[in-house]
PDB file of N, CA and C in Angstrom:
ATOM      1  N   VAL A   1     115.124  99.879 125.391  1.00  0.00           N
ATOM      2  CA  VAL A   1     113.854  99.809 126.141  1.00  0.00           C
ATOM      3  C   VAL A   1     112.817 100.573 125.284  1.00  0.00           C
ATOM      4  N   LYS A   2     111.680  99.878 124.983  1.00  0.00           N
ATOM      5  CA  LYS A   2     110.579 100.508 124.277  1.00  0.00           C
ATOM      6  C   LYS A   2     109.787 101.372 125.167  1.00  0.00           C
ATOM      7  N   ASN A   3     109.356 102.415 124.613  1.00  0.00           N
ATOM      8  CA  ASN A   3     108.453 103.273 125.476  1.00  0.00           C
ATOM      9  C   ASN A   3     107.001 102.821 125.208  1.00  0.00           C
ATOM     10  N   GLU A   4     106.047 103.367 125.934  1.00  0.00           N
ATOM     11  CA  GLU A   4     104.695 103.007 125.869  1.00  0.00           C
ATOM     12  C   GLU A   4     104.095 103.056 124.520  1.00  0.00           C
ATOM     13  N   LEU A   5     104.477 104.184 123.868  1.00  0.00           N
ATOM     14  CA  LEU A   5     103.899 104.453 122.483  1.00  0.00           C
ATOM     15  C   LEU A   5     104.343 103.453 121.564  1.00  0.00           C
ATOM     16  N   ASP A   6     105.676 103.015 121.602  1.00  0.00           N
ATOM     17  CA  ASP A   6     106.237 101.891 120.737  1.00  0.00           C
ATOM     18  C   ASP A   6     105.378 100.622 121.014  1.00  0.00           C
ATOM     19  N   ALA A   7     105.158 100.295 122.315  1.00  0.00           N
ATOM     20  CA  ALA A   7     104.479  99.017 122.552  1.00  0.00           C
ATOM     21  C   ALA A   7     103.031  99.030 122.063  1.00  0.00           C
ATOM     22  N   VAL A   8     102.432 100.246 122.027  1.00  0.00           N
ATOM     23  CA  VAL A   8     100.973 100.370 121.482  1.00  0.00           C
ATOM     24  C   VAL A   8     101.141 100.130 119.981  1.00  0.00           C
ATOM     25  N   ARG A   9     102.051 100.774 119.316  1.00  0.00           N
ATOM     26  CA  ARG A   9     102.139 100.723 117.936  1.00  0.00           C
ATOM     27  C   ARG A   9     102.537  99.189 117.484  1.00  0.00           C
ATOM     28  N   ASP A  10     103.251  98.419 118.330  1.00  0.00           N
ATOM     29  CA  ASP A  10     103.457  97.032 117.922  1.00  0.00           C
ATOM     30  C   ASP A  10     102.270  96.121 117.869  1.00  0.00           C
ATOM     31  N   ARG A  11     101.168  96.677 118.533  1.00  0.00           N
ATOM     32  CA  ARG A  11      99.914  95.908 118.642  1.00  0.00           C
ATOM     33  C   ARG A  11      98.936  96.319 117.596  1.00  0.00           C
ATOM     34  N   LEU A  12      99.234  97.390 116.875  1.00  0.00           N
ATOM     35  CA  LEU A  12      98.412  97.828 115.701  1.00  0.00           C
ATOM     36  C   LEU A  12      98.659  97.226 114.468  1.00  0.00           C
ATOM     37  N   PRO A  13      97.595  97.169 113.482  1.00  0.00           N
ATOM     38  CA  PRO A  13      97.965  96.677 112.212  1.00  0.00           C
ATOM     39  C   PRO A  13      98.893  97.564 111.494  1.00  0.00           C
ATOM     40  N   THR A  14      99.727  97.025 110.673  1.00  0.00           N
ATOM     41  CA  THR A  14     100.727  97.887 109.853  1.00  0.00           C
ATOM     42  C   THR A  14      99.819  98.892 108.866  1.00  0.00           C
ATOM     43  N   LYS A  15     100.626  99.862 108.306  1.00  0.00           N
ATOM     44  CA  LYS A  15      99.990 100.718 107.342  1.00  0.00           C
ATOM     45  C   LYS A  15      99.580  99.964 106.105  1.00  0.00           C
ATOM     46  N   ALA A  16     100.481  98.853 105.670  1.00  0.00           N
ATOM     47  CA  ALA A  16     100.076  98.033 104.607  1.00  0.00           C
ATOM     48  C   ALA A  16      98.780  97.279 104.769  1.00  0.00           C
ATOM     49  N   GLU A  17      98.643  96.713 106.126  1.00  0.00           N
ATOM     50  CA  GLU A  17      97.452  96.016 106.375  1.00  0.00           C
ATOM     51  C   GLU A  17      96.235  97.002 106.346  1.00  0.00           C
ATOM     52  N   ILE A  18      96.437  98.124 106.912  1.00  0.00           N
ATOM     53  CA  ILE A  18      95.294  99.171 106.960  1.00  0.00           C
ATOM     54  C   ILE A  18      94.985  99.561 105.492  1.00  0.00           C
ATOM     55  N   ASP A  19      95.755  99.885 104.741  1.00  0.00           N
ATOM     56  CA  ASP A  19      95.631 100.062 103.235  1.00  0.00           C
ATOM     57  C   ASP A  19      94.722  99.017 102.586  1.00  0.00           C
ATOM     58  N   LYS A  20      95.274  97.728 102.872  1.00  0.00           N
ATOM     59  CA  LYS A  20      94.597  96.693 102.083  1.00  0.00           C
ATOM     60  C   LYS A  20      93.196  96.461 102.709  1.00  0.00           C
ATOM     61  N   TRP A  21      92.942  96.724 103.930  1.00  0.00           N
ATOM     62  CA  TRP A  21      91.562  96.574 104.556  1.00  0.00           C
ATOM     63  C   TRP A  21      90.681  97.602 103.982  1.00  0.00           C
ATOM     64  N   VAL A  22      91.183  98.856 103.719  1.00  0.00           N
ATOM     65  CA  VAL A  22      90.316  99.827 103.153  1.00  0.00           C
ATOM     66  C   VAL A  22      89.860  99.432 101.746  1.00  0.00           C
ATOM     67  N   LYS A  23      90.860  98.910 100.925  1.00  0.00           N
ATOM     68  CA  LYS A  23      90.530  98.457  99.553  1.00  0.00           C
ATOM     69  C   LYS A  23      89.708  97.438  99.442  1.00  0.00           C
ATOM     70  N   LEU A  24      89.677  96.543 100.490  1.00  0.00           N
ATOM     71  CA  LEU A  24      88.714  95.467 100.518  1.00  0.00           C
ATOM     72  C   LEU A  24      87.273  95.734 101.145  1.00  0.00           C
ATOM     73  N   GLY A  25      87.368  96.971 101.677  1.00  0.00           N
ATOM     74  CA  GLY A  25      86.016  97.490 102.215  1.00  0.00           C
ATOM     75  C   GLY A  25      85.836  97.011 103.635  1.00  0.00           C
ATOM     76  N   ILE A  26      86.761  96.545 104.267  1.00  0.00           N
ATOM     77  CA  ILE A  26      86.761  96.158 105.688  1.00  0.00           C
ATOM     78  C   ILE A  26      86.806  97.285 106.620  1.00  0.00           C
ATOM     79  N   LEU A  27      87.551  98.299 106.305  1.00  0.00           N
ATOM     80  CA  LEU A  27      87.600  99.561 107.052  1.00  0.00           C
ATOM     81  C   LEU A  27      87.087 100.732 106.261  1.00  0.00           C
ATOM     82  N   ASP A  28      86.397 101.558 106.898  1.00  0.00           N
ATOM     83  CA  ASP A  28      85.945 102.869 106.297  1.00  0.00           C
ATOM     84  C   ASP A  28      87.138 104.082 106.494  1.00  0.00           C
ATOM     85  N   VAL A  29      86.769 105.181 105.924  1.00  0.00           N
ATOM     86  CA  VAL A  29      87.668 106.301 106.076  1.00  0.00           C
ATOM     87  C   VAL A  29      87.866 106.708 107.474  1.00  0.00           C
ATOM     88  N   ASP A  30      86.869 106.691 108.343  1.00  0.00           N
ATOM     89  CA  ASP A  30      87.098 107.013 109.683  1.00  0.00           C
ATOM     90  C   ASP A  30      87.947 106.059 110.495  1.00  0.00           C
ATOM     91  N   ASP A  31      87.827 104.824 110.201  1.00  0.00           N
ATOM     92  CA  ASP A  31      88.609 103.723 110.828  1.00  0.00           C
ATOM     93  C   ASP A  31      90.184 104.157 110.310  1.00  0.00           C
ATOM     94  N   TYR A  32      90.278 104.228 109.083  1.00  0.00           N
ATOM     95  CA  TYR A  32      91.539 104.555 108.471  1.00  0.00           C
ATOM     96  C   TYR A  32      92.319 105.617 109.196  1.00  0.00           C
ATOM     97  N   VAL A  33      91.501 106.785 109.332  1.00  0.00           N
ATOM     98  CA  VAL A  33      92.056 107.980 110.001  1.00  0.00           C
ATOM     99  C   VAL A  33      92.410 107.765 111.377  1.00  0.00           C
ATOM    100  N   GLY A  34      91.611 106.883 112.154  1.00  0.00           N
ATOM    101  CA  GLY A  34      91.820 106.541 113.480  1.00  0.00           C
ATOM    102  C   GLY A  34      93.257 105.765 113.614  1.00  0.00           C
ATOM    103  N   TYR A  35      93.313 104.649 112.766  1.00  0.00           N
ATOM    104  CA  TYR A  35      94.462 103.783 112.753  1.00  0.00           C
ATOM    105  C   TYR A  35      95.676 104.657 112.489  1.00  0.00           C
ATOM    106  N   MET A  36      95.703 105.456 111.435  1.00  0.00           N
ATOM    107  CA  MET A  36      96.820 106.157 110.955  1.00  0.00           C
ATOM    108  C   MET A  36      97.259 107.188 112.100  1.00  0.00           C
ATOM    109  N   GLY A  37      96.345 107.773 112.758  1.00  0.00           N
ATOM    110  CA  GLY A  37      96.556 108.675 113.820  1.00  0.00           C
ATOM    111  C   GLY A  37      97.267 108.063 114.949  1.00  0.00           C
ATOM    112  N   GLN A  38      96.762 106.777 115.284  1.00  0.00           N
ATOM    113  CA  GLN A  38      97.495 106.095 116.331  1.00  0.00           C
ATOM    114  C   GLN A  38      98.868 105.606 116.002  1.00  0.00           C
ATOM    115  N   HIS A  39      99.153 105.655 114.735  1.00  0.00           N
ATOM    116  CA  HIS A  39     100.555 105.341 114.225  1.00  0.00           C
ATOM    117  C   HIS A  39     101.515 106.643 114.225  1.00  0.00           C
ATOM    118  N   GLY A  40     100.756 107.778 114.568  1.00  0.00           N
ATOM    119  CA  GLY A  40     101.556 109.033 114.778  1.00  0.00           C
ATOM    120  C   GLY A  40     101.591 109.781 113.435  1.00  0.00           C
ATOM    121  N   TYR A  41     100.729 109.589 112.396  1.00  0.00           N
ATOM    122  CA  TYR A  41     100.704 110.304 111.231  1.00  0.00           C
ATOM    123  C   TYR A  41      99.942 111.666 111.390  1.00  0.00           C
ATOM    124  N   SER A  42     100.410 112.641 110.838  1.00  0.00           N
ATOM    125  CA  SER A  42      99.656 114.002 111.030  1.00  0.00           C
ATOM    126  C   SER A  42      98.380 113.987 110.124  1.00  0.00           C
ATOM    127  N   ASP A  43      97.437 114.846 110.529  1.00  0.00           N
ATOM    128  CA  ASP A  43      96.282 114.859 109.627  1.00  0.00           C
ATOM    129  C   ASP A  43      96.589 115.182 108.188  1.00  0.00           C
ATOM    130  N   GLU A  44      97.624 116.143 107.988  1.00  0.00           N
ATOM    131  CA  GLU A  44      98.026 116.435 106.570  1.00  0.00           C
ATOM    132  C   GLU A  44      98.453 115.138 105.904  1.00  0.00           C
ATOM    133  N   VAL A  45      99.269 114.325 106.438  1.00  0.00           N
ATOM    134  CA  VAL A  45      99.878 113.270 105.768  1.00  0.00           C
ATOM    135  C   VAL A  45      98.770 112.124 105.592  1.00  0.00           C
ATOM    136  N   ILE A  46      97.934 112.061 106.537  1.00  0.00           N
ATOM    137  CA  ILE A  46      96.837 111.061 106.381  1.00  0.00           C
ATOM    138  C   ILE A  46      95.903 111.376 105.236  1.00  0.00           C
ATOM    139  N   GLY A  47      95.797 112.715 105.057  1.00  0.00           N
ATOM    140  CA  GLY A  47      95.016 113.150 103.883  1.00  0.00           C
ATOM    141  C   GLY A  47      95.653 112.854 102.629  1.00  0.00           C
ATOM    142  N   PHE A  48      97.021 113.005 102.478  1.00  0.00           N
ATOM    143  CA  PHE A  48      97.791 112.614 101.307  1.00  0.00           C
ATOM    144  C   PHE A  48      97.594 111.150 101.091  1.00  0.00           C
ATOM    145  N   TYR A  49      97.657 110.289 102.055  1.00  0.00           N
ATOM    146  CA  TYR A  49      97.468 108.915 101.882  1.00  0.00           C
ATOM    147  C   TYR A  49      96.085 108.432 101.458  1.00  0.00           C
ATOM    148  N   LEU A  50      95.030 109.237 101.922  1.00  0.00           N
ATOM    149  CA  LEU A  50      93.781 108.984 101.540  1.00  0.00           C
ATOM    150  C   LEU A  50      93.547 109.406  99.971  1.00  0.00           C
ATOM    151  N   GLN A  51      94.117 110.458  99.582  1.00  0.00           N
ATOM    152  CA  GLN A  51      94.060 110.868  98.073  1.00  0.00           C
ATOM    153  C   GLN A  51      94.832 109.642  97.336  1.00  0.00           C
ATOM    154  N   GLU A  52      95.893 109.223  97.790  1.00  0.00           N
ATOM    155  CA  GLU A  52      96.504 108.106  97.099  1.00  0.00           C
ATOM    156  C   GLU A  52      95.538 106.796  96.952  1.00  0.00           C
ATOM    157  N   LEU A  53      94.977 106.419  98.170  1.00  0.00           N
ATOM    158  CA  LEU A  53      94.143 105.323  98.072  1.00  0.00           C
ATOM    159  C   LEU A  53      92.873 105.510  97.174  1.00  0.00           C
ATOM    160  N   ALA A  54      92.381 106.786  97.190  1.00  0.00           N
ATOM    161  CA  ALA A  54      91.174 107.029  96.289  1.00  0.00           C
ATOM    162  C   ALA A  54      91.511 106.972  94.830  1.00  0.00           C
ATOM    163  N   THR A  55      92.754 107.340  94.613  1.00  0.00           N
ATOM    164  CA  THR A  55      93.203 107.273  93.164  1.00  0.00           C
ATOM    165  C   THR A  55      93.416 105.859  92.747  1.00  0.00           C
ATOM    166  N   GLU A  56      93.907 104.880  93.734  1.00  0.00           N
ATOM    167  CA  GLU A  56      94.034 103.627  93.322  1.00  0.00           C
ATOM    168  C   GLU A  56      92.702 102.893  93.104  1.00  0.00           C
ATOM    169  N   LEU A  57      91.742 103.199  94.022  1.00  0.00           N
ATOM    170  CA  LEU A  57      90.411 102.613  94.045  1.00  0.00           C
ATOM    171  C   LEU A  57      89.621 102.961  92.842  1.00  0.00           C
ATOM    172  N   THR A  58      89.854 104.253  92.346  1.00  0.00           N
ATOM    173  CA  THR A  58      89.012 104.662  91.188  1.00  0.00           C
ATOM    174  C   THR A  58      89.712 104.570  89.817  1.00  0.00           C
ATOM    175  N   GLY A  59      90.979 104.178  89.921  1.00  0.00           N
ATOM    176  CA  GLY A  59      91.799 103.977  88.569  1.00  0.00           C
ATOM    177  C   GLY A  59      92.234 105.144  87.978  1.00  0.00           C
TER     178      GLY A  59
END
């Protein structure tokens, strides 16, 4: 039986989709942080992922 949090996560875009949308300019940093927080990632881990994305985007 899924709990309520799992049901919400099932309706959210995946991390891969969120990353892709940031790279395409569809989402901004605030959107990214919001979605990742809804997936249960801590602020620290979200920061690490943002650093990774920034490195990928700037080459």
